[in-house]
C-alpha atoms as a PDB file:
ATOM      1  CA  MET A   1     -59.026 -22.116 -61.092  1.00  0.00           C
ATOM      2  CA  ASN A   2     -60.104 -20.795 -63.687  1.00  0.00           C
ATOM      3  CA  THR A   3     -58.096 -20.762 -66.766  1.00  0.00           C
ATOM      4  CA  GLY A   4     -60.279 -19.171 -69.257  1.00  0.00           C
ATOM      5  CA  TYR A   5     -60.481 -22.141 -71.529  1.00  0.00           C
ATOM      6  CA  GLU A   6     -62.727 -24.290 -72.382  1.00  0.00           C
ATOM      7  CA  LEU A   7     -61.559 -27.459 -73.341  1.00  0.00           C
ATOM      8  CA  SER A   8     -64.669 -29.842 -74.220  1.00  0.00           C
ATOM      9  CA  ALA A   9     -65.872 -27.295 -76.579  1.00  0.00           C
ATOM     10  CA  THR A  10     -62.135 -27.979 -78.944  1.00  0.00           C
ATOM     11  CA  PRO A  11     -63.123 -30.545 -81.752  1.00  0.00           C
ATOM     12  CA  LEU A  12     -60.591 -33.014 -81.106  1.00  0.00           C
ATOM     13  CA  ARG A  13     -58.817 -33.769 -84.848  1.00  0.00           C
ATOM     14  CA  ALA A  14     -57.739 -37.440 -86.246  1.00  0.00           C
ATOM     15  CA  ARG A  15     -54.808 -38.508 -86.739  1.00  0.00           C
ATOM     16  CA  PRO A  16     -54.737 -38.583 -91.152  1.00  0.00           C
ATOM     17  CA  VAL A  17     -54.883 -42.544 -91.942  1.00  0.00           C
ATOM     18  CA  LYS A  18     -50.783 -42.930 -93.164  1.00  0.00           C
ATOM     19  CA  ARG A  19     -50.175 -43.695 -96.487  1.00  0.00           C
ATOM     20  CA  LYS A  20     -46.748 -44.237 -97.194  1.00  0.00           C
ATOM     21  CA  THR A  21     -43.674 -45.194 -95.241  1.00  0.00           C
ATOM     22  CA  ARG A  22     -40.444 -43.142 -94.911  1.00  0.00           C
ATOM     23  CA  ILE A  23     -37.520 -46.066 -96.117  1.00  0.00           C
ATOM     24  CA  THR A  24     -34.168 -45.413 -97.000  1.00  0.00           C
ATOM     25  CA  ILE A  25     -32.992 -46.648-100.592  1.00  0.00           C
ATOM     26  CA  TYR A  26     -29.801 -46.835-102.684  1.00  0.00           C
ATOM     27  CA  LEU A  27     -30.721 -45.945-106.214  1.00  0.00           C
ATOM     28  CA  ASP A  28     -28.030 -45.654-109.212  1.00  0.00           C
ATOM     29  CA  ASP A  29     -26.818 -42.125-109.070  1.00  0.00           C
ATOM     30  CA  GLU A  30     -27.751 -41.764-113.357  1.00  0.00           C
ATOM     31  CA  VAL A  31     -31.281 -42.920-112.345  1.00  0.00           C
ATOM     32  CA  LEU A  32     -31.478 -40.413-109.549  1.00  0.00           C
ATOM     33  CA  GLU A  33     -30.305 -37.595-111.467  1.00  0.00           C
ATOM     34  CA  GLN A  34     -32.812 -39.057-114.526  1.00  0.00           C
ATOM     35  CA  PHE A  35     -36.347 -38.293-112.053  1.00  0.00           C
ATOM     36  CA  ARG A  36     -34.764 -35.166-110.768  1.00  0.00           C
ATOM     37  CA  SER A  37     -34.198 -33.724-113.824  1.00  0.00           C
ATOM     38  CA  LEU A  38     -37.495 -34.869-114.611  1.00  0.00           C
ATOM     39  CA  SER A  39     -39.040 -33.332-111.519  1.00  0.00           C
ATOM     40  CA  GLU A  40     -37.706 -30.233-113.064  1.00  0.00           C
ATOM     41  CA  GLN A  41     -39.601 -30.268-116.288  1.00  0.00           C
ATOM     42  CA  CYS A  42     -42.980 -31.554-115.104  1.00  0.00           C
ATOM     43  CA  GLY A  43     -43.201 -29.635-111.519  1.00  0.00           C
ATOM     44  CA  LYS A  44     -43.325 -32.121-109.196  1.00  0.00           C
ATOM     45  CA  GLY A  45     -41.689 -34.074-106.833  1.00  0.00           C
ATOM     46  CA  TYR A  46     -38.584 -36.676-107.891  1.00  0.00           C
ATOM     47  CA  GLN A  47     -39.894 -38.947-105.336  1.00  0.00           C
ATOM     48  CA  THR A  48     -43.576 -38.806-106.614  1.00  0.00           C
ATOM     49  CA  LEU A  49     -42.216 -39.609-109.919  1.00  0.00           C
ATOM     50  CA  ILE A  50     -40.455 -42.787-108.526  1.00  0.00           C
ATOM     51  CA  ASN A  51     -43.301 -43.647-106.782  1.00  0.00           C
ATOM     52  CA  ALA A  52     -45.556 -43.359-110.195  1.00  0.00           C
ATOM     53  CA  ALA A  53     -43.063 -45.624-111.979  1.00  0.00           C
ATOM     54  CA  LEU A  54     -42.855 -47.974-109.607  1.00  0.00           C
ATOM     55  CA  ARG A  55     -46.838 -48.195-109.422  1.00  0.00           C
ATOM     56  CA  THR A  56     -46.567 -48.336-112.934  1.00  0.00           C
ATOM     57  CA  ARG A  57     -44.482 -50.996-113.437  1.00  0.00           C
ATOM     58  CA  LEU A  58     -45.848 -53.372-110.594  1.00  0.00           C
ATOM     59  CA  ALA A  59     -49.231 -52.778-112.641  1.00  0.00           C
ATOM     60  CA  SER A  60     -47.705 -53.988-115.785  1.00  0.00           C
ATOM     61  CA  ALA A  61     -46.390 -57.102-113.769  1.00  0.00           C
ATOM     62  CA  ARG A  62     -49.389 -58.193-112.154  1.00  0.00           C
ATOM     63  CA  ALA A  63     -51.253 -57.956-116.182  1.00  0.00           C
ATOM     64  CA  GLU A  64     -48.384 -59.819-117.234  1.00  0.00           C
ATOM     65  CA  THR A  65     -49.514 -62.779-114.725  1.00  0.00           C
ATOM     66  CA  LEU A  66     -52.742 -62.178-115.152  1.00  0.00           C
ATOM     67  CA  PRO A  67     -53.774 -65.752-117.124  1.00  0.00           C
ATOM     68  CA  ALA A  68     -55.384 -65.062-120.475  1.00  0.00           C
ATOM     69  CA  ALA A  69     -59.178 -65.641-121.334  1.00  0.00           C
END
């Protein structure tokens, strides 16, 4: 039976590396409203802004815990 498809010529696509995880988190309404407002002002998604804020805070926390030279 010939289906007319050449499957061996079809390139296989590798799955992209998973870099994010879906979670459920409870935030204060005021915090969420602020991020949504910032989101509208700058044109980025509010979840992206929350992620960036958390990354910034973690980086500064790491810098605070490094011993002084």
